[in-house]
Protein backbone atom coordinates (compact mmCIF):
# COMPACT_ATOMS: atom_id res chain seq x y z
CA MET A 1 -13.97 -0.80 -19.12
CA ARG A 2 -10.12 0.22 -19.18
CA PRO A 3 -8.67 2.71 -16.89
CA SER A 4 -7.74 5.22 -19.52
CA ARG A 5 -11.55 4.90 -20.87
CA ILE A 6 -12.80 5.52 -17.40
CA GLN A 7 -10.55 8.29 -16.90
CA SER A 8 -11.52 9.84 -20.31
CA LEU A 9 -15.23 9.60 -19.04
CA LYS A 10 -14.51 11.02 -15.79
CA ARG A 11 -13.12 13.90 -17.77
CA THR A 12 -15.75 14.56 -19.92
CA LEU A 13 -18.29 14.38 -17.30
CA SER A 14 -16.41 16.75 -14.99
CA THR A 15 -15.98 19.22 -17.81
CA TYR A 16 -19.38 19.24 -19.51
CA ALA A 17 -21.63 17.92 -16.65
CA PRO A 18 -19.75 18.83 -13.30
CA PRO A 19 -23.14 18.42 -11.15
CA VAL A 20 -23.61 14.98 -12.65
CA PHE A 21 -19.81 13.97 -12.09
CA TRP A 22 -19.72 14.98 -8.23
CA ALA A 23 -23.19 13.30 -8.01
CA VAL A 24 -22.08 9.92 -9.38
CA ARG A 25 -18.69 10.11 -7.54
CA GLU A 26 -20.37 10.83 -3.94
CA SER A 27 -22.80 8.28 -4.64
CA ARG A 28 -20.33 5.46 -5.36
CA LYS A 29 -18.33 6.62 -2.47
CA LEU A 30 -21.07 6.26 -0.26
CA ILE A 31 -21.93 2.88 -1.60
CA HIS A 32 -18.22 1.60 -1.41
CA GLN A 33 -18.20 2.64 2.46
CA HIS A 34 -21.85 1.09 3.36
CA ARG A 35 -20.58 -2.10 1.68
CA ASN A 36 -17.56 -2.40 3.73
CA LYS A 37 -19.07 -1.24 6.76
CA ARG A 38 -21.35 -4.06 6.55
CA ILE A 39 -18.76 -6.69 5.58
CA GLN A 40 -16.65 -5.58 8.68
CA ASP A 41 -19.81 -5.52 10.88
CA GLU A 42 -20.45 -9.22 9.93
CA LEU A 43 -17.09 -10.42 10.69
CA THR A 44 -16.74 -8.94 14.09
CA PRO A 45 -17.31 -12.15 15.97
CA TRP A 46 -15.07 -13.96 13.68
CA LYS A 47 -12.47 -11.21 14.34
CA SER A 48 -12.73 -11.91 17.81
CA PHE A 49 -12.22 -15.54 17.37
CA PHE A 50 -9.18 -15.22 15.11
CA THR A 51 -7.43 -13.05 17.61
CA GLN A 52 -8.21 -15.36 20.39
CA GLU A 53 -6.61 -18.15 18.25
CA PHE A 54 -3.49 -16.13 16.86
CA GLY A 55 -3.22 -12.84 18.77
CA PHE A 56 -2.18 -9.73 16.92
CA ALA A 57 0.65 -11.73 15.23
CA VAL A 58 0.60 -11.63 11.24
CA GLN A 59 0.25 -15.04 10.00
CA GLY A 60 1.33 -14.97 6.39
CA GLY A 61 2.63 -12.81 3.66
CA PRO A 62 6.23 -11.23 3.41
CA PHE A 63 5.82 -9.52 7.15
CA LYS A 64 4.79 -12.79 8.66
CA GLY A 65 5.83 -12.96 12.37
CA MET A 66 5.17 -8.94 12.91
CA THR A 67 3.15 -8.11 15.91
CA PHE A 68 0.49 -5.53 15.10
CA HIS A 69 -1.62 -3.21 17.12
CA ASP A 70 -4.05 -4.60 19.52
CA SER A 71 -7.53 -3.42 18.68
CA SER A 72 -11.10 -4.19 19.58
CA PRO A 73 -12.78 -6.72 17.36
CA GLN A 74 -14.71 -3.94 15.54
CA ASP A 75 -11.54 -2.10 14.61
CA THR A 76 -9.41 -5.47 13.69
CA TYR A 77 -8.75 -5.53 10.03
CA LEU A 78 -8.19 -9.11 8.93
CA PRO A 79 -6.20 -8.58 5.97
CA LEU A 80 -3.25 -7.46 7.69
CA LEU A 81 -3.30 -10.25 10.43
CA VAL A 82 -3.82 -12.78 7.83
CA GLY A 83 -0.88 -11.47 5.69
CA CYS A 84 -2.97 -11.25 2.45
CA TYR A 85 -3.12 -7.26 2.55
CA GLU A 86 -2.09 -6.01 -0.76
CA SER A 87 -1.12 -9.56 -1.92
CA GLN A 88 -0.42 -8.33 -5.57
CA THR A 89 2.57 -6.54 -4.24
CA HIS A 90 4.19 -9.65 -2.30
CA VAL A 91 6.14 -10.87 -5.24
CA PHE A 92 7.39 -7.28 -5.67
CA ILE A 93 8.26 -6.86 -2.00
CA GLU A 94 10.33 -10.22 -2.28
CA SER A 95 12.20 -9.12 -5.37
CA ALA A 96 13.09 -5.85 -3.95
CA LEU A 97 14.43 -7.57 -0.74
CA ALA A 98 16.42 -9.91 -2.81
CA ARG A 99 18.19 -7.05 -4.38
CA LYS A 100 19.48 -5.86 -0.82
CA PRO A 101 18.50 -2.21 -0.73
CA SER A 102 20.53 0.16 1.41
CA ILE A 103 17.66 2.21 2.73
CA VAL A 104 13.82 1.85 2.39
CA VAL A 105 11.57 4.78 1.90
CA ASP A 106 8.00 4.30 2.65
CA VAL A 107 5.76 7.32 1.55
CA GLY A 108 2.32 6.94 2.90
CA CYS A 109 3.26 4.78 5.82
CA GLU A 110 0.01 5.07 7.62
CA ALA A 111 0.05 2.55 10.54
CA GLY A 112 3.46 1.31 9.89
CA TYR A 113 2.63 -2.10 8.39
CA VAL A 114 5.16 -1.70 5.44
CA ALA A 115 7.70 0.57 7.22
CA VAL A 116 8.18 -1.69 10.21
CA GLY A 117 7.79 -5.03 8.03
CA PHE A 118 10.80 -3.97 5.84
CA ALA A 119 12.73 -3.29 9.30
CA LEU A 120 12.13 -6.59 10.43
CA ARG A 121 12.88 -8.36 6.96
CA ALA A 122 16.05 -6.14 6.74
CA PRO A 123 17.63 -5.63 9.97
CA SER A 124 20.74 -3.90 8.99
CA ILE A 125 19.33 -0.85 6.95
CA PRO A 126 17.29 2.17 8.13
CA VAL A 127 13.71 2.74 7.34
CA TYR A 128 12.20 5.79 6.73
CA GLY A 129 8.38 6.49 6.95
CA PHE A 130 6.22 9.47 5.76
CA ASP A 131 2.76 10.45 6.60
CA ILE A 132 0.84 13.68 6.50
CA GLU A 133 -1.64 12.46 9.45
CA PRO A 134 -0.31 12.93 13.01
CA ARG A 135 -2.48 9.95 14.19
CA ALA A 136 -0.89 7.91 11.38
CA ARG A 137 2.77 8.80 12.46
CA ALA A 138 2.17 8.00 16.00
CA LYS A 139 0.67 4.66 15.11
CA CYS A 140 4.08 3.87 13.15
CA ARG A 141 6.05 4.81 15.88
CA ALA A 142 4.36 2.65 18.26
CA LEU A 143 4.34 -0.31 15.91
CA ALA A 144 8.07 0.29 15.66
CA GLU A 145 8.19 0.16 19.37
CA ILE A 146 6.17 -2.98 19.72
CA ASN A 147 8.43 -4.80 17.23
CA ARG A 148 11.62 -3.42 18.63
CA VAL A 149 13.08 -1.79 15.67
CA ALA A 150 12.33 1.88 16.70
CA ASP A 151 16.06 2.48 16.35
CA ARG A 152 16.02 1.95 12.75
CA VAL A 153 12.38 3.34 11.76
CA VAL A 154 12.35 7.13 11.19
CA VAL A 155 8.90 8.73 10.97
CA GLU A 156 8.47 11.97 9.45
CA ASP A 157 5.66 14.05 7.97
CA ALA A 158 5.33 15.37 4.32
CA CYS A 159 7.86 13.86 1.92
CA SER A 160 9.00 16.59 -0.34
CA PRO A 161 11.08 15.95 -3.61
CA GLU A 162 14.13 17.70 -1.80
CA ARG A 163 13.80 15.23 1.07
CA LEU A 164 13.35 12.17 -0.78
CA GLN A 165 16.42 13.27 -2.97
CA SER A 166 18.52 13.38 0.10
CA LEU A 167 17.65 9.90 1.06
CA CYS A 168 18.33 8.45 -2.26
CA ASP A 169 21.97 7.44 -2.02
CA GLY A 170 23.33 3.88 -2.33
CA ARG A 171 20.71 1.19 -3.49
CA PRO A 172 17.52 3.01 -2.09
CA LEU A 173 14.02 1.16 -2.22
CA VAL A 174 10.96 3.45 -2.64
CA PHE A 175 7.52 2.30 -1.41
CA SER A 176 4.75 4.53 -2.58
CA ASP A 177 1.11 4.67 -1.27
CA CYS A 178 0.17 8.26 -1.04
CA GLU A 179 -3.17 8.78 -2.76
CA GLY A 180 -2.13 10.29 -6.09
CA TYR A 181 0.76 12.27 -4.61
CA GLU A 182 2.96 9.95 -6.35
CA LEU A 183 2.59 12.03 -9.72
CA ASP A 184 4.18 14.92 -8.00
CA LEU A 185 6.90 12.99 -6.06
CA LEU A 186 8.01 10.19 -8.32
CA ASP A 187 9.63 12.18 -10.91
CA PRO A 188 13.41 11.75 -11.72
CA ASP A 189 13.54 15.42 -13.09
CA LYS A 190 13.00 16.66 -9.61
CA VAL A 191 14.60 13.52 -7.76
CA PRO A 192 17.45 12.49 -9.83
CA GLY A 193 18.41 9.76 -7.36
CA LEU A 194 15.35 7.72 -8.35
CA LYS A 195 17.10 6.58 -11.38
CA GLN A 196 18.98 4.18 -9.00
CA ALA A 197 16.03 3.40 -6.96
CA ASP A 198 13.84 0.38 -7.02
CA ILE A 199 10.11 1.41 -6.48
CA ILE A 200 7.00 -0.07 -5.75
CA VAL A 201 4.09 2.14 -6.24
CA GLU A 202 0.25 1.93 -5.82
CA LEU A 203 -1.15 4.04 -8.75
CA HIS A 204 -4.20 5.99 -7.95
CA ASP A 205 -5.50 6.96 -11.26
CA PHE A 206 -8.95 6.94 -9.93
CA LEU A 207 -8.34 9.85 -7.47
CA ARG A 208 -7.20 12.32 -10.13
CA ILE A 209 -9.33 13.42 -13.24
CA ASP A 210 -6.70 15.96 -14.66
CA VAL A 211 -4.16 13.51 -15.71
CA ASP A 212 -3.62 9.67 -16.28
CA ILE A 213 -1.37 8.82 -13.56
CA THR A 214 -0.07 5.56 -14.61
CA PRO A 215 1.15 6.47 -18.23
CA THR A 216 2.65 9.29 -16.94
CA ILE A 217 4.77 7.72 -14.29
CA LEU A 218 5.70 4.54 -16.54
CA GLY A 219 6.62 6.99 -19.10
CA ARG A 220 9.08 8.82 -16.79
CA PHE A 221 10.95 5.70 -15.85
CA SER A 222 10.62 3.76 -19.05
CA SER A 223 14.39 4.05 -20.12
CA THR A 224 15.93 3.69 -16.67
CA HIS A 225 13.89 0.74 -15.30
CA ASP A 226 12.40 -2.70 -15.88
CA ILE A 227 8.68 -2.30 -15.49
CA SER A 228 6.40 -4.92 -13.94
CA MET A 229 2.71 -4.59 -13.19
CA ALA A 230 0.06 -6.24 -11.08
CA GLY A 231 -3.84 -5.54 -10.84
CA LEU A 232 -6.30 -7.09 -8.65
CA THR A 233 -6.47 -10.86 -8.45
CA ARG A 234 -8.81 -13.31 -6.85
CA ARG A 235 -6.96 -14.69 -3.91
CA SER A 236 -7.56 -18.12 -2.58
CA SER A 237 -7.72 -19.02 1.24
CA VAL A 238 -5.51 -22.00 0.54
CA ASP A 239 -2.58 -19.62 0.22
CA PHE A 240 -3.29 -18.45 3.91
CA PRO A 241 -3.48 -21.53 6.05
CA CYS A 242 -4.65 -19.51 8.96
CA LEU A 243 -7.94 -19.05 7.37
CA ALA A 244 -8.88 -22.73 8.12
CA VAL A 245 -9.87 -21.59 11.54
CA LEU A 246 -12.71 -19.80 10.05
CA PRO A 247 -15.76 -21.27 8.46
CA GLU A 248 -15.50 -21.56 4.63
CA HIS A 249 -18.18 -19.24 4.08
CA VAL A 250 -16.44 -16.45 5.91
CA ARG A 251 -12.89 -16.74 4.44
CA ALA A 252 -13.54 -14.68 1.39
CA SER A 253 -14.78 -11.81 3.56
CA ALA A 254 -11.84 -12.28 5.89
CA MET A 255 -9.57 -11.47 2.89
CA HIS A 256 -11.78 -8.45 1.50
CA GLU A 257 -10.14 -4.97 1.06
CA ASP A 258 -11.72 -1.91 -0.21
CA ARG A 259 -10.30 -1.76 -3.65
CA ILE A 260 -11.14 -0.25 -7.07
CA PRO A 261 -11.53 -3.04 -9.73
CA TYR A 262 -9.06 -1.41 -11.92
CA GLN A 263 -6.44 -0.40 -9.32
CA GLN A 264 -2.94 -1.20 -10.20
CA TRP A 265 0.65 -1.40 -8.76
CA ALA A 266 3.86 -1.19 -10.45
CA PHE A 267 7.40 -2.38 -9.69
CA LEU A 268 10.05 -0.35 -11.16
CA LYS A 269 13.15 -2.14 -10.93
CA SER A 270 16.47 0.33 -11.60
CA LYS A 271 18.53 -0.90 -14.68
CA THR A 272 21.40 0.89 -12.99
CA ARG A 273 21.55 -1.67 -10.06
């Protein structure tokens, strides 16, 4: 079922049968959580083996060579260390870097994987990371220290349209993964500087039932940006040689991320650049 049809079904259920809607939503959430906990628990001994082999250095992807936070085997997240995390965005990241941004703004920076990764890949520009969670901000700052880029990674809390506008001079690159807030933030009427910004955005239609996020955002930028889309695709362990240290039957689980099947990313490339 296509995302727009799923959204329509959600809105219908939430309007005419709210108890059914919330029961289905909570049931699916619990199923996802249970499945992912089971996968992560089963991977624990292999996580330990992987970090014994490679430590906490990222082995592939656009941020290969980054040193990630040490963690216990239970808490280690292999997609980050393998370098396959959000692999659908990798071509977007490389394309955006080739356009030589003057600043990077990471909205929803979490533990700093993207913010610090960009600071390592573009060593002459400032990077601003935003996250509403204090723990995430602390981790992002710590990761910047570990990788010796703390002098160029500025970490702040919520990113308002006004704050984003203040950073959109020159050739900005905005990386947005903010759980539905992209609908409120990525609006050129509120943030005119976005017209000259390149934007990589994770689209969270599945978190909103009141509006279709993807067509709304794409419509806002259709005249000012060239737009590319990417959805979930099957990944091959062949693309990540470090996985060869793991048994073949474990490799797919080592790349597993908790993703909704119809989740999408967009790369909005400014025409004014």
